[in-house]
Amino acid sequence: MRKTLPRRAGLLAALAAALLAGGCASMDRCDRNTAVGAAVGGVAGSVLTDQSTLGTVGGAVAGGVLGRGRGC
């Protein structure tokens, strides 16, 4: 029973990643860059501010703006 739990969790994580990646297929380059920038910025903001909510949100906003860039 204990060995099946990590296997199921890994399978579930792989399935979730595949579904999420499929959702980005219809996004254009600018939208995809914005989403990636927001995700990376949110993680960076969380790490740098010791998991502060304000730091996470601020990092996500800054990352999204930087990810969007000039060319969009």
PDB file of N, CA and C in Angstrom:
ATOM      1  N   MET A   1       0.819  -1.188   0.000  1.00  0.00           N
ATOM      2  CA  MET A   1       0.000   0.000   0.000  1.00  0.00           C
ATOM      3  C   MET A   1       0.870   1.261   0.000  1.00  0.00           C
ATOM      4  N   ARG A   2       1.964   1.263   0.734  1.00  0.00           N
ATOM      5  CA  ARG A   2       2.805   2.455   0.811  1.00  0.00           C
ATOM      6  C   ARG A   2       3.532   2.733  -0.499  1.00  0.00           C
ATOM      7  N   LYS A   3       3.854   1.705  -1.240  1.00  0.00           N
ATOM      8  CA  LYS A   3       4.568   1.923  -2.498  1.00  0.00           C
ATOM      9  C   LYS A   3       3.658   2.475  -3.578  1.00  0.00           C
ATOM     10  N   THR A   4       2.361   2.207  -3.509  1.00  0.00           N
ATOM     11  CA  THR A   4       1.458   2.681  -4.554  1.00  0.00           C
ATOM     12  C   THR A   4       1.139   4.156  -4.407  1.00  0.00           C
ATOM     13  N   LEU A   5       1.215   4.705  -3.202  1.00  0.00           N
ATOM     14  CA  LEU A   5       0.906   6.118  -3.018  1.00  0.00           C
ATOM     15  C   LEU A   5       1.879   7.022  -3.770  1.00  0.00           C
ATOM     16  N   PRO A   6       3.206   6.866  -3.662  1.00  0.00           N
ATOM     17  CA  PRO A   6       4.103   7.709  -4.454  1.00  0.00           C
ATOM     18  C   PRO A   6       3.932   7.494  -5.960  1.00  0.00           C
ATOM     19  N   ARG A   7       3.646   6.275  -6.362  1.00  0.00           N
ATOM     20  CA  ARG A   7       3.451   5.998  -7.783  1.00  0.00           C
ATOM     21  C   ARG A   7       2.208   6.722  -8.292  1.00  0.00           C
ATOM     22  N   ARG A   8       1.140   6.679  -7.516  1.00  0.00           N
ATOM     23  CA  ARG A   8      -0.089   7.373  -7.913  1.00  0.00           C
ATOM     24  C   ARG A   8       0.114   8.882  -7.920  1.00  0.00           C
ATOM     25  N   ALA A   9       0.841   9.382  -6.940  1.00  0.00           N
ATOM     26  CA  ALA A   9       1.099  10.820  -6.887  1.00  0.00           C
ATOM     27  C   ALA A   9       1.918  11.259  -8.098  1.00  0.00           C
ATOM     28  N   GLY A  10       2.905  10.474  -8.483  1.00  0.00           N
ATOM     29  CA  GLY A  10       3.701  10.797  -9.661  1.00  0.00           C
ATOM     30  C   GLY A  10       2.887  10.756 -10.937  1.00  0.00           C
ATOM     31  N   LEU A  11       2.014   9.764 -11.039  1.00  0.00           N
ATOM     32  CA  LEU A  11       1.147   9.648 -12.214  1.00  0.00           C
ATOM     33  C   LEU A  11       0.186  10.822 -12.284  1.00  0.00           C
ATOM     34  N   LEU A  12      -0.377  11.193 -11.144  1.00  0.00           N
ATOM     35  CA  LEU A  12      -1.287  12.323 -11.096  1.00  0.00           C
ATOM     36  C   LEU A  12      -0.577  13.623 -11.457  1.00  0.00           C
ATOM     37  N   ALA A  13       0.643  13.805 -10.982  1.00  0.00           N
ATOM     38  CA  ALA A  13       1.417  15.001 -11.312  1.00  0.00           C
ATOM     39  C   ALA A  13       1.744  15.064 -12.799  1.00  0.00           C
ATOM     40  N   ALA A  14       2.080  13.929 -13.394  1.00  0.00           N
ATOM     41  CA  ALA A  14       2.372  13.895 -14.829  1.00  0.00           C
ATOM     42  C   ALA A  14       1.126  14.204 -15.649  1.00  0.00           C
ATOM     43  N   LEU A  15      -0.004  13.671 -15.221  1.00  0.00           N
ATOM     44  CA  LEU A  15      -1.258  13.941 -15.922  1.00  0.00           C
ATOM     45  C   LEU A  15      -1.633  15.412 -15.816  1.00  0.00           C
ATOM     46  N   ALA A  16      -1.475  15.995 -14.630  1.00  0.00           N
ATOM     47  CA  ALA A  16      -1.778  17.415 -14.450  1.00  0.00           C
ATOM     48  C   ALA A  16      -0.864  18.288 -15.301  1.00  0.00           C
ATOM     49  N   ALA A  17       0.415  17.936 -15.383  1.00  0.00           N
ATOM     50  CA  ALA A  17       1.357  18.712 -16.201  1.00  0.00           C
ATOM     51  C   ALA A  17       0.991  18.637 -17.676  1.00  0.00           C
ATOM     52  N   ALA A  18       0.568  17.464 -18.128  1.00  0.00           N
ATOM     53  CA  ALA A  18       0.182  17.314 -19.531  1.00  0.00           C
ATOM     54  C   ALA A  18      -1.062  18.142 -19.844  1.00  0.00           C
ATOM     55  N   LEU A  19      -2.016  18.148 -18.927  1.00  0.00           N
ATOM     56  CA  LEU A  19      -3.228  18.940 -19.151  1.00  0.00           C
ATOM     57  C   LEU A  19      -2.938  20.430 -19.145  1.00  0.00           C
ATOM     58  N   LEU A  20      -2.084  20.864 -18.230  1.00  0.00           N
ATOM     59  CA  LEU A  20      -1.745  22.278 -18.175  1.00  0.00           C
ATOM     60  C   LEU A  20      -0.942  22.720 -19.392  1.00  0.00           C
ATOM     61  N   ALA A  21      -0.055  21.885 -19.863  1.00  0.00           N
ATOM     62  CA  ALA A  21       0.735  22.228 -21.046  1.00  0.00           C
ATOM     63  C   ALA A  21      -0.152  22.298 -22.282  1.00  0.00           C
ATOM     64  N   GLY A  22      -1.149  21.452 -22.351  1.00  0.00           N
ATOM     65  CA  GLY A  22      -2.075  21.480 -23.481  1.00  0.00           C
ATOM     66  C   GLY A  22      -2.916  22.739 -23.503  1.00  0.00           C
ATOM     67  N   GLY A  23      -3.147  23.327 -22.343  1.00  0.00           N
ATOM     68  CA  GLY A  23      -3.937  24.547 -22.274  1.00  0.00           C
ATOM     69  C   GLY A  23      -3.214  25.747 -22.850  1.00  0.00           C
ATOM     70  N   CYS A  24      -1.915  25.691 -22.959  1.00  0.00           N
ATOM     71  CA  CYS A  24      -1.134  26.811 -23.492  1.00  0.00           C
ATOM     72  C   CYS A  24      -0.946  26.728 -25.001  1.00  0.00           C
ATOM     73  N   ALA A  25      -1.455  25.698 -25.621  1.00  0.00           N
ATOM     74  CA  ALA A  25      -1.228  25.507 -27.051  1.00  0.00           C
ATOM     75  C   ALA A  25      -1.860  26.611 -27.890  1.00  0.00           C
ATOM     76  N   SER A  26      -2.990  27.157 -27.444  1.00  0.00           N
ATOM     77  CA  SER A  26      -3.675  28.175 -28.236  1.00  0.00           C
ATOM     78  C   SER A  26      -3.222  29.589 -27.893  1.00  0.00           C
ATOM     79  N   MET A  27      -2.285  29.726 -26.972  1.00  0.00           N
ATOM     80  CA  MET A  27      -1.815  31.059 -26.587  1.00  0.00           C
ATOM     81  C   MET A  27      -0.778  31.570 -27.589  1.00  0.00           C
ATOM     82  N   ASP A  28      -0.818  32.884 -27.827  1.00  0.00           N
ATOM     83  CA  ASP A  28       0.220  33.440 -28.694  1.00  0.00           C
ATOM     84  C   ASP A  28       1.495  33.673 -27.878  1.00  0.00           C
ATOM     85  N   ARG A  29       2.524  34.121 -28.541  1.00  0.00           N
ATOM     86  CA  ARG A  29       3.837  34.268 -27.905  1.00  0.00           C
ATOM     87  C   ARG A  29       3.801  35.241 -26.735  1.00  0.00           C
ATOM     88  N   CYS A  30       3.118  36.341 -26.882  1.00  0.00           N
ATOM     89  CA  CYS A  30       3.072  37.347 -25.821  1.00  0.00           C
ATOM     90  C   CYS A  30       2.350  36.825 -24.582  1.00  0.00           C
ATOM     91  N   ASP A  31       1.227  36.143 -24.784  1.00  0.00           N
ATOM     92  CA  ASP A  31       0.490  35.589 -23.648  1.00  0.00           C
ATOM     93  C   ASP A  31       1.296  34.524 -22.918  1.00  0.00           C
ATOM     94  N   ARG A  32       1.987  33.695 -23.687  1.00  0.00           N
ATOM     95  CA  ARG A  32       2.800  32.634 -23.094  1.00  0.00           C
ATOM     96  C   ARG A  32       3.955  33.232 -22.280  1.00  0.00           C
ATOM     97  N   ASN A  33       4.599  34.275 -22.827  1.00  0.00           N
ATOM     98  CA  ASN A  33       5.695  34.928 -22.098  1.00  0.00           C
ATOM     99  C   ASN A  33       5.191  35.589 -20.815  1.00  0.00           C
ATOM    100  N   THR A  34       3.991  36.167 -20.866  1.00  0.00           N
ATOM    101  CA  THR A  34       3.411  36.784 -19.687  1.00  0.00           C
ATOM    102  C   THR A  34       3.153  35.740 -18.608  1.00  0.00           C
ATOM    103  N   ALA A  35       2.582  34.613 -18.998  1.00  0.00           N
ATOM    104  CA  ALA A  35       2.284  33.546 -18.037  1.00  0.00           C
ATOM    105  C   ALA A  35       3.557  32.974 -17.422  1.00  0.00           C
ATOM    106  N   VAL A  36       4.561  32.748 -18.230  1.00  0.00           N
ATOM    107  CA  VAL A  36       5.823  32.215 -17.718  1.00  0.00           C
ATOM    108  C   VAL A  36       6.492  33.233 -16.794  1.00  0.00           C
ATOM    109  N   GLY A  37       6.487  34.492 -17.191  1.00  0.00           N
ATOM    110  CA  GLY A  37       7.079  35.534 -16.355  1.00  0.00           C
ATOM    111  C   GLY A  37       6.374  35.654 -15.019  1.00  0.00           C
ATOM    112  N   ALA A  38       5.045  35.566 -15.023  1.00  0.00           N
ATOM    113  CA  ALA A  38       4.286  35.657 -13.776  1.00  0.00           C
ATOM    114  C   ALA A  38       4.573  34.463 -12.870  1.00  0.00           C
ATOM    115  N   ALA A  39       4.680  33.282 -13.451  1.00  0.00           N
ATOM    116  CA  ALA A  39       4.965  32.086 -12.645  1.00  0.00           C
ATOM    117  C   ALA A  39       6.357  32.161 -12.030  1.00  0.00           C
ATOM    118  N   VAL A  40       7.334  32.511 -12.835  1.00  0.00           N
ATOM    119  CA  VAL A  40       8.710  32.604 -12.331  1.00  0.00           C
ATOM    120  C   VAL A  40       8.835  33.744 -11.319  1.00  0.00           C
ATOM    121  N   GLY A  41       8.205  34.862 -11.614  1.00  0.00           N
ATOM    122  CA  GLY A  41       8.252  35.989 -10.689  1.00  0.00           C
ATOM    123  C   GLY A  41       7.566  35.686  -9.367  1.00  0.00           C
ATOM    124  N   GLY A  42       6.457  34.954  -9.409  1.00  0.00           N
ATOM    125  CA  GLY A  42       5.772  34.574  -8.177  1.00  0.00           C
ATOM    126  C   GLY A  42       6.613  33.671  -7.304  1.00  0.00           C
ATOM    127  N   VAL A  43       7.270  32.713  -7.924  1.00  0.00           N
ATOM    128  CA  VAL A  43       8.147  31.813  -7.165  1.00  0.00           C
ATOM    129  C   VAL A  43       9.336  32.585  -6.604  1.00  0.00           C
ATOM    130  N   ALA A  44       9.934  33.431  -7.423  1.00  0.00           N
ATOM    131  CA  ALA A  44      11.083  34.215  -6.963  1.00  0.00           C
ATOM    132  C   ALA A  44      10.683  35.161  -5.835  1.00  0.00           C
ATOM    133  N   GLY A  45       9.536  35.809  -5.981  1.00  0.00           N
ATOM    134  CA  GLY A  45       9.069  36.710  -4.935  1.00  0.00           C
ATOM    135  C   GLY A  45       8.789  35.980  -3.638  1.00  0.00           C
ATOM    136  N   SER A  46       8.245  34.794  -3.744  1.00  0.00           N
ATOM    137  CA  SER A  46       7.973  33.994  -2.550  1.00  0.00           C
ATOM    138  C   SER A  46       9.259  33.585  -1.853  1.00  0.00           C
ATOM    139  N   VAL A  47      10.233  33.162  -2.627  1.00  0.00           N
ATOM    140  CA  VAL A  47      11.506  32.727  -2.046  1.00  0.00           C
ATOM    141  C   VAL A  47      12.251  33.906  -1.424  1.00  0.00           C
ATOM    142  N   LEU A  48      12.286  35.013  -2.111  1.00  0.00           N
ATOM    143  CA  LEU A  48      13.054  36.160  -1.635  1.00  0.00           C
ATOM    144  C   LEU A  48      12.436  36.833  -0.411  1.00  0.00           C
ATOM    145  N   THR A  49      11.116  36.709  -0.236  1.00  0.00           N
ATOM    146  CA  THR A  49      10.452  37.370   0.891  1.00  0.00           C
ATOM    147  C   THR A  49      10.006  36.377   1.953  1.00  0.00           C
ATOM    148  N   ASP A  50      10.606  35.205   1.967  1.00  0.00           N
ATOM    149  CA  ASP A  50      10.303  34.179   2.968  1.00  0.00           C
ATOM    150  C   ASP A  50       8.818  33.822   2.971  1.00  0.00           C
ATOM    151  N   GLN A  51       8.270  33.578   1.798  1.00  0.00           N
ATOM    152  CA  GLN A  51       6.901  33.136   1.549  1.00  0.00           C
ATOM    153  C   GLN A  51       5.852  34.165   1.961  1.00  0.00           C
ATOM    154  N   SER A  52       6.174  35.422   1.828  1.00  0.00           N
ATOM    155  CA  SER A  52       5.222  36.496   2.095  1.00  0.00           C
ATOM    156  C   SER A  52       4.208  36.563   0.955  1.00  0.00           C
ATOM    157  N   THR A  53       2.949  36.741   1.304  1.00  0.00           N
ATOM    158  CA  THR A  53       1.901  36.844   0.280  1.00  0.00           C
ATOM    159  C   THR A  53       2.126  38.061  -0.607  1.00  0.00           C
ATOM    160  N   LEU A  54       2.445  39.173   0.009  1.00  0.00           N
ATOM    161  CA  LEU A  54       2.683  40.395  -0.749  1.00  0.00           C
ATOM    162  C   LEU A  54       3.878  40.242  -1.685  1.00  0.00           C
ATOM    163  N   GLY A  55       4.933  39.592  -1.216  1.00  0.00           N
ATOM    164  CA  GLY A  55       6.102  39.354  -2.054  1.00  0.00           C
ATOM    165  C   GLY A  55       5.800  38.431  -3.221  1.00  0.00           C
ATOM    166  N   THR A  56       4.964  37.417  -2.970  1.00  0.00           N
ATOM    167  CA  THR A  56       4.593  36.486  -4.039  1.00  0.00           C
ATOM    168  C   THR A  56       3.767  37.184  -5.111  1.00  0.00           C
ATOM    169  N   VAL A  57       2.782  37.949  -4.671  1.00  0.00           N
ATOM    170  CA  VAL A  57       1.928  38.665  -5.631  1.00  0.00           C
ATOM    171  C   VAL A  57       2.728  39.733  -6.368  1.00  0.00           C
ATOM    172  N   GLY A  58       3.552  40.463  -5.636  1.00  0.00           N
ATOM    173  CA  GLY A  58       4.390  41.481  -6.279  1.00  0.00           C
ATOM    174  C   GLY A  58       5.350  40.887  -7.291  1.00  0.00           C
ATOM    175  N   GLY A  59       5.937  39.755  -6.937  1.00  0.00           N
ATOM    176  CA  GLY A  59       6.833  39.084  -7.879  1.00  0.00           C
ATOM    177  C   GLY A  59       6.110  38.591  -9.111  1.00  0.00           C
ATOM    178  N   ALA A  60       4.892  38.094  -8.919  1.00  0.00           N
ATOM    179  CA  ALA A  60       4.110  37.621 -10.065  1.00  0.00           C
ATOM    180  C   ALA A  60       3.740  38.774 -10.992  1.00  0.00           C
ATOM    181  N   VAL A  61       3.354  39.894 -10.409  1.00  0.00           N
ATOM    182  CA  VAL A  61       3.004  41.057 -11.232  1.00  0.00           C
ATOM    183  C   VAL A  61       4.231  41.567 -11.981  1.00  0.00           C
ATOM    184  N   ALA A  62       5.340  41.708 -11.271  1.00  0.00           N
ATOM    185  CA  ALA A  62       6.565  42.193 -11.924  1.00  0.00           C
ATOM    186  C   ALA A  62       7.030  41.214 -13.003  1.00  0.00           C
ATOM    187  N   GLY A  63       6.972  39.926 -12.713  1.00  0.00           N
ATOM    188  CA  GLY A  63       7.377  38.933 -13.705  1.00  0.00           C
ATOM    189  C   GLY A  63       6.477  38.933 -14.929  1.00  0.00           C
ATOM    190  N   GLY A  64       5.186  39.122 -14.706  1.00  0.00           N
ATOM    191  CA  GLY A  64       4.263  39.181 -15.839  1.00  0.00           C
ATOM    192  C   GLY A  64       4.523  40.389 -16.728  1.00  0.00           C
ATOM    193  N   VAL A  65       4.798  41.522 -16.096  1.00  0.00           N
ATOM    194  CA  VAL A  65       5.085  42.742 -16.868  1.00  0.00           C
ATOM    195  C   VAL A  65       6.392  42.570 -17.642  1.00  0.00           C
ATOM    196  N   LEU A  66       7.418  42.038 -16.973  1.00  0.00           N
ATOM    197  CA  LEU A  66       8.691  41.834 -17.663  1.00  0.00           C
ATOM    198  C   LEU A  66       8.582  40.752 -18.737  1.00  0.00           C
ATOM    199  N   GLY A  67       7.799  39.731 -18.479  1.00  0.00           N
ATOM    200  CA  GLY A  67       7.615  38.671 -19.462  1.00  0.00           C
ATOM    201  C   GLY A  67       6.885  39.153 -20.705  1.00  0.00           C
ATOM    202  N   ARG A  68       5.968  40.073 -20.498  1.00  0.00           N
ATOM    203  CA  ARG A  68       5.205  40.617 -21.630  1.00  0.00           C
ATOM    204  C   ARG A  68       6.126  41.385 -22.573  1.00  0.00           C
ATOM    205  N   GLY A  69       7.034  42.127 -22.008  1.00  0.00           N
ATOM    206  CA  GLY A  69       8.066  42.803 -22.786  1.00  0.00           C
ATOM    207  C   GLY A  69       7.554  43.919 -23.679  1.00  0.00           C
ATOM    208  N   ARG A  70       8.440  44.428 -24.481  1.00  0.00           N
ATOM    209  CA  ARG A  70       8.121  45.541 -25.364  1.00  0.00           C
ATOM    210  C   ARG A  70       7.427  45.140 -26.652  1.00  0.00           C
ATOM    211  N   GLY A  71       7.772  43.998 -27.176  1.00  0.00           N
ATOM    212  CA  GLY A  71       7.308  43.631 -28.507  1.00  0.00           C
ATOM    213  C   GLY A  71       5.860  43.201 -28.604  1.00  0.00           C
ATOM    214  N   CYS A  72       5.133  43.277 -27.523  1.00  0.00           N
ATOM    215  CA  CYS A  72       3.742  42.801 -27.544  1.00  0.00           C
ATOM    216  C   CYS A  72       2.770  43.941 -27.578  1.00  0.00           C
TER     217      CYS A  72
END
